[in-house]
């Protein structure tokens, strides 16, 4: 498969569950990382558990261990470390629903069979990721953790019939010794002739450790304070150290979203310079610094700030290539989009109004809401006024106003905000005389990105309002975007 399913789930779930948390972050993140492969094995072996959790608003860890509650306590003891078991259990409870959501998205369906099929395709990597200490607990739940074997195959090897009740016979002792000797010789022979097999297995396990570079990303806000950061490394101890340094340097109590996994490299190039580099970043407004492999890229709303920061960092991280990225000029982009939308609306013949023309024109504009706000910027109101005048003359035109956000912050909060923004557009058009029956607001949050959310430019593109057209004369739903028109039957 082209995706690392476990890593995908770990990153998304950790960022969702630990967002805003301040206590025992290292232990909680580690618990999530170990819990995910265990949960996936349970889903794969017990598809009915998927359906059970899908019906629950707040799935719980205790539902997994309902047949053997004592195993849950053992499970939490292994995971929790110094953190209270109640905190770890609460964290894992919160992890179940988003894990299911990602599985449904990757499987393309919420059908348990589709999800099970997806898990079967990743069976080897899922089983390999299960901590060794968890295997007996899975067996206690009736889960077969052997590949191609029954759960109790190993104990079937029976030396006992040779020994049973026959020890008293003197001639049997030399025979037993001979059999033991032959067995030892056979074992040594196989070990020598098959010695390449462990190397193959070792290579398979070690490969993920070198498959992905360690990665850091830090973003500052308008006042130069840290607003978001991510750490991905194979060294859990260093991650913990870096978390403490980030908290001290930026006075950032929440710490970074963090993933510690063997698939990441354990060291950064010029790692010892990271704290000093972060000191340089502190106080620089609206800037994102990304550190991966031998590249350190800087993107700032003010290009001069980015160049100045790069000049300070380059002498420190001598083995890194320091790049200054060209950022999107949001103000110019908005102004240009308004001009384009005005021209497109003005070109529509008021006596021959086509729904697709209205939608295309509206989708040219960028409605750049303020952070956390659903108030329509003044600059966009003239565009909506023009559209409202046209829609009043074309009652057959029905629009669905779709709100979208970037992936920064809580997914549920983003979805709520996107709905509020879409509704603000609908309310404004209605206030200008459009029939409410012609409009519908839908918020998708961060579910439908059109660009990479790891960059400021991508986040800007993902924060958008789009218009979907339903023409009641022919019953067709049409999405209008820069890619063209997509038509489906309503």
Foldseek 3Di string as FASTA:
>chain_A
DPDPLLVVLLLVLLCFLLVPPQPPSLLLSQLSSQVSLVVLLVCLQCVVVLVVVVPDPFAFPCVLCVVPNVLLVVSLVVRRVPHDSVVNRVSVSSSPVSSLVVLCVVLVHSPSVSSSVVCVVVVVVSLVSHDPVCVVSCVVSVGQSDPPDDNPPVVVDDPPVLVPPCPVDPVSVVVVVVVVVVVVVVVVVCCVVCVVVVVVVVCVVQQLLAQFEWKKKWWAAQQQATDAIETEAQASVVQVVVQVLSCVLRVDSSGYSYDHDSSYHHDFQLRVCVSVLVNLSRRQHGKMWMGTHQEIEIEHLDQVSLVVSQVVCCVSRVSHDYYYDDADNVVVQQVVLLVQLVVLLVPADLVDDDLLSLQQSLQSHFQQDDVPDLDTDPSCLVSLLSSLVSCLSPVQKAKEKEFEAAPPDHQVSQQVSRQSNQVNSLVSSVVSPHDNVRYHYGGDYHPDFPADSSDPRSRSRRGGMHMWIQRVVQQWIWGQDPVGIDIDHD
